[in-house]
Amino acid sequence: VTAHAVKGVDCTQSRVYILYRFIAYLLAEDLISSMDSSKKRFVAIS
């Protein structure tokens, strides 16, 4: 019973970790694309 409970917690933790990684990836992609567009805008201005 204890081993099963620990396995369940471990499974939940890895699922949460994957979710966090996914969100971080999306935020990073958004940041990079906004940086790229501002860089292009800066190049267009200068």
PDB file of N, CA and C in Angstrom:
ATOM      1  N   VAL A   1       0.846  -1.209   0.000  1.00  0.00           N
ATOM      2  CA  VAL A   1       0.000   0.000   0.000  1.00  0.00           C
ATOM      3  C   VAL A   1       0.882   1.260   0.000  1.00  0.00           C
ATOM      4  N   THR A   2       1.909   1.267   0.845  1.00  0.00           N
ATOM      5  CA  THR A   2       2.790   2.442   0.926  1.00  0.00           C
ATOM      6  C   THR A   2       3.513   2.662  -0.396  1.00  0.00           C
ATOM      7  N   ALA A   3       4.036   1.592  -0.977  1.00  0.00           N
ATOM      8  CA  ALA A   3       4.763   1.693  -2.243  1.00  0.00           C
ATOM      9  C   ALA A   3       3.844   2.242  -3.331  1.00  0.00           C
ATOM     10  N   HIS A   4       2.599   1.782  -3.335  1.00  0.00           N
ATOM     11  CA  HIS A   4       1.628   2.235  -4.334  1.00  0.00           C
ATOM     12  C   HIS A   4       1.351   3.739  -4.160  1.00  0.00           C
ATOM     13  N   ALA A   5       1.221   4.169  -2.901  1.00  0.00           N
ATOM     14  CA  ALA A   5       0.951   5.580  -2.603  1.00  0.00           C
ATOM     15  C   ALA A   5       2.130   6.438  -3.070  1.00  0.00           C
ATOM     16  N   VAL A   6       3.340   5.993  -2.792  1.00  0.00           N
ATOM     17  CA  VAL A   6       4.540   6.717  -3.199  1.00  0.00           C
ATOM     18  C   VAL A   6       4.604   6.802  -4.724  1.00  0.00           C
ATOM     19  N   LYS A   7       4.258   5.701  -5.396  1.00  0.00           N
ATOM     20  CA  LYS A   7       4.269   5.678  -6.855  1.00  0.00           C
ATOM     21  C   LYS A   7       3.256   6.676  -7.409  1.00  0.00           C
ATOM     22  N   GLY A   8       2.097   6.753  -6.762  1.00  0.00           N
ATOM     23  CA  GLY A   8       1.067   7.688  -7.189  1.00  0.00           C
ATOM     24  C   GLY A   8       1.527   9.132  -7.051  1.00  0.00           C
ATOM     25  N   VAL A   9       2.185   9.442  -5.933  1.00  0.00           N
ATOM     26  CA  VAL A   9       2.709  10.787  -5.703  1.00  0.00           C
ATOM     27  C   VAL A   9       3.766  11.103  -6.745  1.00  0.00           C
ATOM     28  N   ASP A  10       4.647  10.152  -7.014  1.00  0.00           N
ATOM     29  CA  ASP A  10       5.714  10.337  -7.991  1.00  0.00           C
ATOM     30  C   ASP A  10       5.126  10.618  -9.369  1.00  0.00           C
ATOM     31  N   CYS A  11       4.073   9.894  -9.714  1.00  0.00           N
ATOM     32  CA  CYS A  11       3.411  10.062 -11.003  1.00  0.00           C
ATOM     33  C   CYS A  11       2.820  11.472 -11.102  1.00  0.00           C
ATOM     34  N   THR A  12       2.171  11.909 -10.036  1.00  0.00           N
ATOM     35  CA  THR A  12       1.567  13.245 -10.013  1.00  0.00           C
ATOM     36  C   THR A  12       2.647  14.308 -10.131  1.00  0.00           C
ATOM     37  N   GLN A  13       3.751  14.141  -9.407  1.00  0.00           N
ATOM     38  CA  GLN A  13       4.842  15.109  -9.445  1.00  0.00           C
ATOM     39  C   GLN A  13       5.408  15.230 -10.845  1.00  0.00           C
ATOM     40  N   SER A  14       5.614  14.100 -11.525  1.00  0.00           N
ATOM     41  CA  SER A  14       6.168  14.156 -12.874  1.00  0.00           C
ATOM     42  C   SER A  14       5.184  14.809 -13.837  1.00  0.00           C
ATOM     43  N   ARG A  15       3.890  14.576 -13.628  1.00  0.00           N
ATOM     44  CA  ARG A  15       2.878  15.192 -14.484  1.00  0.00           C
ATOM     45  C   ARG A  15       2.897  16.709 -14.297  1.00  0.00           C
ATOM     46  N   VAL A  16       2.984  17.150 -13.036  1.00  0.00           N
ATOM     47  CA  VAL A  16       3.043  18.584 -12.724  1.00  0.00           C
ATOM     48  C   VAL A  16       4.312  19.176 -13.318  1.00  0.00           C
ATOM     49  N   TYR A  17       5.424  18.437 -13.214  1.00  0.00           N
ATOM     50  CA  TYR A  17       6.706  18.896 -13.750  1.00  0.00           C
ATOM     51  C   TYR A  17       6.618  19.094 -15.259  1.00  0.00           C
ATOM     52  N   ILE A  18       6.001  18.131 -15.944  1.00  0.00           N
ATOM     53  CA  ILE A  18       5.835  18.228 -17.401  1.00  0.00           C
ATOM     54  C   ILE A  18       4.981  19.450 -17.742  1.00  0.00           C
ATOM     55  N   LEU A  19       3.927  19.672 -16.951  1.00  0.00           N
ATOM     56  CA  LEU A  19       3.047  20.820 -17.169  1.00  0.00           C
ATOM     57  C   LEU A  19       3.815  22.130 -17.001  1.00  0.00           C
ATOM     58  N   TYR A  20       4.626  22.199 -15.927  1.00  0.00           N
ATOM     59  CA  TYR A  20       5.434  23.398 -15.699  1.00  0.00           C
ATOM     60  C   TYR A  20       6.417  23.625 -16.834  1.00  0.00           C
ATOM     61  N   ARG A  21       7.057  22.540 -17.301  1.00  0.00           N
ATOM     62  CA  ARG A  21       8.015  22.643 -18.398  1.00  0.00           C
ATOM     63  C   ARG A  21       7.315  23.166 -19.650  1.00  0.00           C
ATOM     64  N   PHE A  22       6.107  22.675 -19.908  1.00  0.00           N
ATOM     65  CA  PHE A  22       5.330  23.071 -21.074  1.00  0.00           C
ATOM     66  C   PHE A  22       4.994  24.555 -21.014  1.00  0.00           C
ATOM     67  N   ILE A  23       4.545  25.006 -19.828  1.00  0.00           N
ATOM     68  CA  ILE A  23       4.202  26.427 -19.636  1.00  0.00           C
ATOM     69  C   ILE A  23       5.447  27.292 -19.800  1.00  0.00           C
ATOM     70  N   ALA A  24       6.564  26.855 -19.209  1.00  0.00           N
ATOM     71  CA  ALA A  24       7.816  27.604 -19.313  1.00  0.00           C
ATOM     72  C   ALA A  24       8.253  27.698 -20.769  1.00  0.00           C
ATOM     73  N   TYR A  25       8.068  26.587 -21.524  1.00  0.00           N
ATOM     74  CA  TYR A  25       8.420  26.558 -22.939  1.00  0.00           C
ATOM     75  C   TYR A  25       7.572  27.552 -23.731  1.00  0.00           C
ATOM     76  N   LEU A  26       6.275  27.567 -23.453  1.00  0.00           N
ATOM     77  CA  LEU A  26       5.369  28.495 -24.138  1.00  0.00           C
ATOM     78  C   LEU A  26       5.744  29.944 -23.830  1.00  0.00           C
ATOM     79  N   LEU A  27       6.038  30.222 -22.558  1.00  0.00           N
ATOM     80  CA  LEU A  27       6.424  31.578 -22.162  1.00  0.00           C
ATOM     81  C   LEU A  27       7.728  31.976 -22.843  1.00  0.00           C
ATOM     82  N   ALA A  28       8.678  31.051 -22.912  1.00  0.00           N
ATOM     83  CA  ALA A  28       9.963  31.331 -23.555  1.00  0.00           C
ATOM     84  C   ALA A  28       9.764  31.600 -25.041  1.00  0.00           C
ATOM     85  N   GLU A  29       8.931  30.795 -25.695  1.00  0.00           N
ATOM     86  CA  GLU A  29       8.639  30.994 -27.117  1.00  0.00           C
ATOM     87  C   GLU A  29       8.020  32.370 -27.341  1.00  0.00           C
ATOM     88  N   ASP A  30       7.082  32.743 -26.482  1.00  0.00           N
ATOM     89  CA  ASP A  30       6.409  34.035 -26.583  1.00  0.00           C
ATOM     90  C   ASP A  30       7.419  35.162 -26.412  1.00  0.00           C
ATOM     91  N   LEU A  31       8.299  35.020 -25.429  1.00  0.00           N
ATOM     92  CA  LEU A  31       9.323  36.019 -25.151  1.00  0.00           C
ATOM     93  C   LEU A  31      10.266  36.164 -26.341  1.00  0.00           C
ATOM     94  N   ILE A  32      10.707  35.028 -26.891  1.00  0.00           N
ATOM     95  CA  ILE A  32      11.632  35.042 -28.029  1.00  0.00           C
ATOM     96  C   ILE A  32      10.979  35.696 -29.244  1.00  0.00           C
ATOM     97  N   SER A  33       9.723  35.362 -29.506  1.00  0.00           N
ATOM     98  CA  SER A  33       9.042  35.933 -30.674  1.00  0.00           C
ATOM     99  C   SER A  33       8.834  37.437 -30.491  1.00  0.00           C
ATOM    100  N   SER A  34       8.511  37.879 -29.275  1.00  0.00           N
ATOM    101  CA  SER A  34       8.335  39.314 -29.033  1.00  0.00           C
ATOM    102  C   SER A  34       9.680  40.031 -29.136  1.00  0.00           C
ATOM    103  N   MET A  35      10.755  39.383 -28.691  1.00  0.00           N
ATOM    104  CA  MET A  35      12.086  39.954 -28.815  1.00  0.00           C
ATOM    105  C   MET A  35      12.461  40.070 -30.292  1.00  0.00           C
ATOM    106  N   ASP A  36      12.143  39.051 -31.053  1.00  0.00           N
ATOM    107  CA  ASP A  36      12.429  39.053 -32.492  1.00  0.00           C
ATOM    108  C   ASP A  36      11.685  40.188 -33.186  1.00  0.00           C
ATOM    109  N   SER A  37      10.413  40.357 -32.862  1.00  0.00           N
ATOM    110  CA  SER A  37       9.621  41.405 -33.510  1.00  0.00           C
ATOM    111  C   SER A  37      10.127  42.790 -33.105  1.00  0.00           C
ATOM    112  N   SER A  38      10.523  42.961 -31.845  1.00  0.00           N
ATOM    113  CA  SER A  38      11.040  44.260 -31.415  1.00  0.00           C
ATOM    114  C   SER A  38      12.403  44.523 -32.052  1.00  0.00           C
ATOM    115  N   LYS A  39      13.171  43.441 -32.274  1.00  0.00           N
ATOM    116  CA  LYS A  39      14.472  43.576 -32.934  1.00  0.00           C
ATOM    117  C   LYS A  39      14.264  44.033 -34.372  1.00  0.00           C
ATOM    118  N   LYS A  40      13.287  43.437 -35.034  1.00  0.00           N
ATOM    119  CA  LYS A  40      12.965  43.816 -36.416  1.00  0.00           C
ATOM    120  C   LYS A  40      12.487  45.269 -36.466  1.00  0.00           C
ATOM    121  N   ARG A  41      11.675  45.637 -35.469  1.00  0.00           N
ATOM    122  CA  ARG A  41      11.164  47.000 -35.385  1.00  0.00           C
ATOM    123  C   ARG A  41      12.335  47.971 -35.192  1.00  0.00           C
ATOM    124  N   PHE A  42      13.269  47.593 -34.347  1.00  0.00           N
ATOM    125  CA  PHE A  42      14.439  48.431 -34.084  1.00  0.00           C
ATOM    126  C   PHE A  42      15.272  48.599 -35.351  1.00  0.00           C
ATOM    127  N   VAL A  43      15.447  47.506 -36.078  1.00  0.00           N
ATOM    128  CA  VAL A  43      16.197  47.545 -37.344  1.00  0.00           C
ATOM    129  C   VAL A  43      15.467  48.435 -38.349  1.00  0.00           C
ATOM    130  N   ALA A  44      14.131  48.343 -38.389  1.00  0.00           N
ATOM    131  CA  ALA A  44      13.335  49.156 -39.307  1.00  0.00           C
ATOM    132  C   ALA A  44      13.457  50.640 -38.960  1.00  0.00           C
ATOM    133  N   ILE A  45      13.499  50.956 -37.662  1.00  0.00           N
ATOM    134  CA  ILE A  45      13.620  52.354 -37.222  1.00  0.00           C
ATOM    135  C   ILE A  45      14.997  52.898 -37.615  1.00  0.00           C
ATOM    136  N   SER A  46      16.048  52.133 -37.359  1.00  0.00           N
ATOM    137  CA  SER A  46      17.409  52.579 -37.643  1.00  0.00           C
ATOM    138  C   SER A  46      17.785  52.235 -39.092  1.00  0.00           C
TER     139      SER A  46
END
